[in-house]
N, C-alpha and C. Protein backbone atom coordinates (compact mmCIF):
# COMPACT_ATOMS: atom_id res chain seq x y z
N MET A 1 -20.06 2.71 -0.28
CA MET A 1 -19.03 2.06 -1.03
C MET A 1 -17.67 1.79 0.15
N SER A 2 -17.43 0.33 0.66
CA SER A 2 -16.77 0.54 1.59
C SER A 2 -14.99 0.87 1.98
N ASN A 3 -14.38 0.98 2.54
CA ASN A 3 -13.02 1.42 1.97
C ASN A 3 -12.06 0.01 2.20
N VAL A 4 -10.87 -0.18 1.51
CA VAL A 4 -10.45 -1.39 1.85
C VAL A 4 -8.96 -0.18 2.71
N PHE A 5 -8.60 -0.79 3.44
CA PHE A 5 -7.09 -0.07 4.16
C PHE A 5 -6.45 -1.14 4.35
N ILE A 6 -4.79 -0.53 4.32
CA ILE A 6 -3.79 -1.05 4.51
C ILE A 6 -2.83 -0.51 5.76
N ALA A 7 -2.01 -0.94 6.53
CA ALA A 7 -1.69 -0.57 7.46
C ALA A 7 -0.12 -1.14 7.40
N PHE A 8 0.91 -0.56 7.47
CA PHE A 8 2.29 -0.60 7.75
C PHE A 8 2.93 -0.25 9.06
N GLN A 9 3.95 -0.25 9.57
CA GLN A 9 5.10 -0.06 10.19
C GLN A 9 5.40 1.22 9.85
N THR A 10 5.71 1.76 10.84
CA THR A 10 6.52 3.18 10.69
C THR A 10 8.20 3.34 10.70
N ASN A 11 8.56 2.88 9.26
CA ASN A 11 10.09 3.00 9.22
C ASN A 11 10.59 3.55 7.79
N GLU A 12 11.77 3.86 7.91
CA GLU A 12 11.90 4.35 6.45
C GLU A 12 11.48 3.61 5.08
N GLU A 13 11.80 2.42 4.89
CA GLU A 13 11.04 1.79 3.73
C GLU A 13 9.79 1.87 3.38
N SER A 14 8.96 1.52 4.51
CA SER A 14 7.75 1.78 4.17
C SER A 14 6.91 3.26 4.15
N ARG A 15 7.92 4.50 4.50
CA ARG A 15 7.44 5.46 3.72
C ARG A 15 7.34 5.75 2.31
N TYR A 16 8.46 5.33 1.77
CA TYR A 16 8.67 4.92 0.30
C TYR A 16 7.39 4.47 -0.56
N ILE A 17 6.79 2.95 0.49
CA ILE A 17 6.06 2.52 0.06
C ILE A 17 4.64 3.58 0.18
N VAL A 18 4.12 3.96 1.07
CA VAL A 18 3.32 4.73 1.37
C VAL A 18 3.16 6.04 0.23
N GLU A 19 4.06 6.42 0.10
CA GLU A 19 4.82 7.36 -1.22
C GLU A 19 4.02 7.31 -2.36
N ALA A 20 4.06 5.80 -2.84
CA ALA A 20 3.83 5.36 -3.94
C ALA A 20 2.25 4.95 -3.99
N ILE A 21 2.06 4.41 -2.90
CA ILE A 21 0.74 4.39 -3.08
C ILE A 21 -0.43 5.82 -2.89
N LEU A 22 0.04 7.06 -2.13
CA LEU A 22 -0.71 7.64 -2.07
C LEU A 22 -0.37 8.50 -3.80
N GLN A 23 0.34 8.44 -4.15
CA GLN A 23 0.41 8.52 -5.25
C GLN A 23 -0.56 8.29 -7.03
N ASP A 24 -0.36 6.57 -6.72
CA ASP A 24 -1.44 5.96 -7.29
C ASP A 24 -2.59 5.97 -7.04
N ASN A 25 -2.99 6.31 -5.71
CA ASN A 25 -4.52 6.17 -5.74
C ASN A 25 -4.71 7.66 -5.36
N PRO A 26 -5.36 8.29 -5.70
CA PRO A 26 -5.39 10.12 -5.40
C PRO A 26 -6.44 10.08 -4.23
N THR A 27 -7.65 9.13 -4.22
CA THR A 27 -8.28 9.31 -2.98
C THR A 27 -8.00 8.66 -1.79
N ALA A 28 -6.75 7.84 -1.38
CA ALA A 28 -6.47 7.51 -0.13
C ALA A 28 -6.20 8.70 1.25
N ILE A 29 -6.62 8.02 2.35
CA ILE A 29 -6.91 9.03 2.88
C ILE A 29 -5.52 8.17 4.40
N LEU A 30 -4.56 9.03 4.26
CA LEU A 30 -3.55 8.75 5.06
C LEU A 30 -3.88 8.94 6.93
N ASN A 31 -3.52 8.34 7.47
CA ASN A 31 -3.65 8.19 9.24
C ASN A 31 -2.00 8.03 9.92
N GLU A 32 -1.98 8.98 9.91
CA GLU A 32 -0.30 8.38 10.35
C GLU A 32 -0.21 8.70 12.15
N GLN A 33 0.09 7.44 12.73
CA GLN A 33 0.31 7.28 14.09
C GLN A 33 1.69 7.04 14.62
N PRO A 34 1.99 7.02 15.75
CA PRO A 34 3.42 6.75 15.64
C PRO A 34 4.04 5.61 15.79
N ALA A 35 3.83 4.48 15.55
CA ALA A 35 4.09 3.48 15.25
C ALA A 35 3.62 3.00 13.96
N MET A 36 2.94 3.33 13.36
CA MET A 36 2.10 2.71 12.34
C MET A 36 1.23 3.73 11.06
N VAL A 37 1.31 3.73 9.78
CA VAL A 37 0.70 4.15 8.90
C VAL A 37 -0.22 3.61 8.09
N LYS A 38 -1.31 4.18 8.22
CA LYS A 38 -2.53 3.46 7.62
C LYS A 38 -3.24 3.95 6.58
N ILE A 39 -3.73 3.53 5.35
CA ILE A 39 -4.02 4.33 4.63
C ILE A 39 -5.87 3.36 3.95
N ASP A 40 -6.32 4.69 3.76
CA ASP A 40 -7.94 4.11 3.53
C ASP A 40 -8.45 4.31 2.11
N VAL A 41 -8.76 3.45 1.67
CA VAL A 41 -9.11 4.11 0.10
C VAL A 41 -10.69 3.22 -0.35
N PRO A 42 -11.57 4.42 -0.77
CA PRO A 42 -13.08 4.11 -1.35
C PRO A 42 -12.67 2.72 -2.15
N GLY A 43 -13.21 2.17 -1.90
CA GLY A 43 -13.63 0.85 -3.44
C GLY A 43 -12.47 -0.19 -3.97
N SER A 44 -11.42 0.13 -3.92
CA SER A 44 -10.28 -0.39 -4.28
C SER A 44 -8.83 0.51 -3.99
N MET A 45 -7.85 -0.11 -4.04
CA MET A 45 -6.45 0.27 -3.99
C MET A 45 -5.51 -0.75 -4.67
N THR A 46 -5.12 -0.09 -5.34
CA THR A 46 -3.86 -0.43 -6.11
C THR A 46 -2.23 0.17 -6.08
N ILE A 47 -1.37 -0.89 -5.37
CA ILE A 47 -0.06 -0.46 -5.16
C ILE A 47 0.94 -1.11 -6.09
N LYS A 48 1.35 -0.44 -6.64
CA LYS A 48 2.16 -0.92 -8.06
C LYS A 48 3.70 -1.05 -7.73
N ARG A 49 4.44 -2.23 -8.22
CA ARG A 49 6.19 -2.27 -7.75
C ARG A 49 6.56 -1.12 -8.85
N ALA A 50 6.53 -0.89 -10.05
CA ALA A 50 7.58 0.23 -10.37
C ALA A 50 6.92 1.55 -9.62
N THR A 51 6.46 1.97 -9.12
CA THR A 51 6.34 3.29 -8.46
C THR A 51 7.00 3.12 -7.17
N ILE A 52 6.95 2.10 -6.67
CA ILE A 52 7.69 1.87 -5.47
C ILE A 52 8.81 1.83 -5.54
N GLU A 53 9.41 1.10 -6.61
CA GLU A 53 11.03 1.26 -7.27
C GLU A 53 11.30 2.75 -7.51
N GLU A 54 9.90 3.63 -7.93
CA GLU A 54 10.83 4.86 -8.47
C GLU A 54 11.05 5.57 -7.17
N LYS A 55 10.46 5.24 -6.46
CA LYS A 55 10.56 6.14 -4.83
C LYS A 55 11.58 5.35 -4.31
N MET A 56 12.03 4.24 -4.10
CA MET A 56 13.16 3.88 -3.21
C MET A 56 14.51 3.99 -3.96
N GLY A 57 14.41 3.66 -5.72
CA GLY A 57 15.53 3.93 -6.49
C GLY A 57 15.97 2.92 -6.17
N ARG A 58 15.51 1.87 -6.14
CA ARG A 58 16.04 0.76 -6.24
C ARG A 58 14.73 -0.89 -6.69
N PRO A 59 15.55 -1.47 -7.30
CA PRO A 59 14.73 -2.87 -7.73
C PRO A 59 13.24 -3.20 -6.36
N PHE A 60 12.41 -3.23 -6.35
CA PHE A 60 11.36 -4.12 -5.28
C PHE A 60 10.74 -5.25 -5.28
N ASP A 61 10.88 -6.32 -4.87
CA ASP A 61 9.97 -7.34 -4.98
C ASP A 61 8.38 -7.12 -4.26
N LEU A 62 7.28 -7.42 -4.61
CA LEU A 62 5.95 -6.92 -3.69
C LEU A 62 5.70 -7.74 -2.49
N GLN A 63 7.04 -8.90 -2.43
CA GLN A 63 6.86 -9.44 -1.43
C GLN A 63 7.51 -8.91 -0.15
N GLU A 64 8.19 -8.00 -0.29
CA GLU A 64 8.76 -7.62 0.37
C GLU A 64 7.87 -6.67 1.41
N LEU A 65 6.62 -6.43 0.95
CA LEU A 65 5.80 -5.66 1.58
C LEU A 65 5.23 -6.44 2.86
N GLN A 66 5.19 -7.44 2.99
CA GLN A 66 4.67 -8.56 3.77
C GLN A 66 5.82 -7.92 5.47
N ILE A 67 7.00 -7.61 4.99
CA ILE A 67 8.21 -7.14 6.21
C ILE A 67 7.48 -6.16 6.84
N HIS A 68 6.47 -4.95 6.03
CA HIS A 68 6.33 -4.17 6.63
C HIS A 68 5.23 -3.62 7.01
N LEU A 69 4.52 -5.02 7.21
CA LEU A 69 2.77 -5.12 6.94
C LEU A 69 2.32 -5.23 8.37
N ILE A 70 1.34 -4.53 8.59
CA ILE A 70 0.20 -4.60 10.01
C ILE A 70 -0.78 -5.74 9.85
N THR A 71 -1.74 -4.97 8.95
CA THR A 71 -2.74 -5.33 8.45
C THR A 71 -3.26 -5.02 7.21
N ILE A 72 -4.38 -5.79 6.64
CA ILE A 72 -4.83 -5.29 5.50
C ILE A 72 -6.26 -5.29 5.69
N SER A 73 -7.40 -4.87 4.94
CA SER A 73 -8.88 -5.33 5.17
C SER A 73 -8.94 -4.75 3.19
N GLY A 74 -10.17 -6.60 3.12
CA GLY A 74 -10.37 -6.38 1.33
C GLY A 74 -9.60 -7.16 0.90
N HIS A 75 -10.05 -7.92 -0.25
CA HIS A 75 -10.41 -8.70 -1.18
C HIS A 75 -8.29 -8.80 -1.73
N LEU A 76 -7.43 -9.40 -1.65
CA LEU A 76 -6.46 -9.54 -2.61
C LEU A 76 -6.34 -10.31 -3.48
N ASP A 77 -5.84 -9.46 -4.47
CA ASP A 77 -5.35 -10.14 -5.70
C ASP A 77 -3.89 -9.39 -5.93
N GLU A 78 -2.70 -10.31 -6.26
CA GLU A 78 -1.45 -10.17 -6.09
C GLU A 78 -0.52 -10.62 -7.70
N THR A 79 0.13 -9.94 -8.08
CA THR A 79 1.12 -9.97 -9.25
C THR A 79 2.23 -10.16 -8.90
N ASP A 80 3.42 -10.20 -9.84
CA ASP A 80 4.70 -9.54 -9.69
C ASP A 80 4.44 -7.93 -9.55
N GLU A 81 3.35 -7.51 -10.60
CA GLU A 81 3.68 -5.77 -10.64
C GLU A 81 2.32 -5.71 -9.85
N GLU A 82 0.95 -5.61 -9.09
CA GLU A 82 0.43 -5.05 -8.57
C GLU A 82 0.08 -5.69 -7.23
N PHE A 83 -0.46 -5.23 -6.24
CA PHE A 83 -0.57 -5.90 -5.05
C PHE A 83 -2.20 -4.84 -5.47
N ASN A 84 -3.42 -5.40 -5.28
CA ASN A 84 -4.63 -5.09 -5.28
C ASN A 84 -5.53 -5.45 -4.43
N LEU A 85 -5.95 -4.61 -3.70
CA LEU A 85 -7.44 -4.30 -2.34
C LEU A 85 -8.66 -3.85 -2.99
N SER A 86 -9.57 -5.01 -2.89
CA SER A 86 -10.88 -4.56 -3.07
C SER A 86 -11.99 -5.37 -2.20
N TRP A 87 -13.18 -4.80 -3.05
CA TRP A 87 -14.37 -5.24 -1.81
C TRP A 87 -15.04 -5.98 -3.25
N ASN A 88 -14.94 -5.71 -4.56
CA ASN A 88 -15.41 -6.19 -5.72
C ASN A 88 -16.13 -7.31 -6.09
N HIS A 89 -14.92 -8.58 -5.30
CA HIS A 89 -15.41 -9.97 -5.58
C HIS A 89 -15.74 -11.00 -5.03
């Protein structure tokens, strides 16, 4: 099974996004660098708007991910509620 991954700039807001991803994806592998944080997950990854909002304590539009995003690897399927990466398509 191949990994999907997502990488963000290291900043205050992306910290909450990363916490949410780790909570919702128990098999996630975190790789922190000085200027970026990369998360690998075997098979597929789900990023939930509700979990990010819980961590941030404010409403969050998943389009805001784009501000902090460096790169992704995997097939992207996006709704207003979830951002999914997988190789199953």
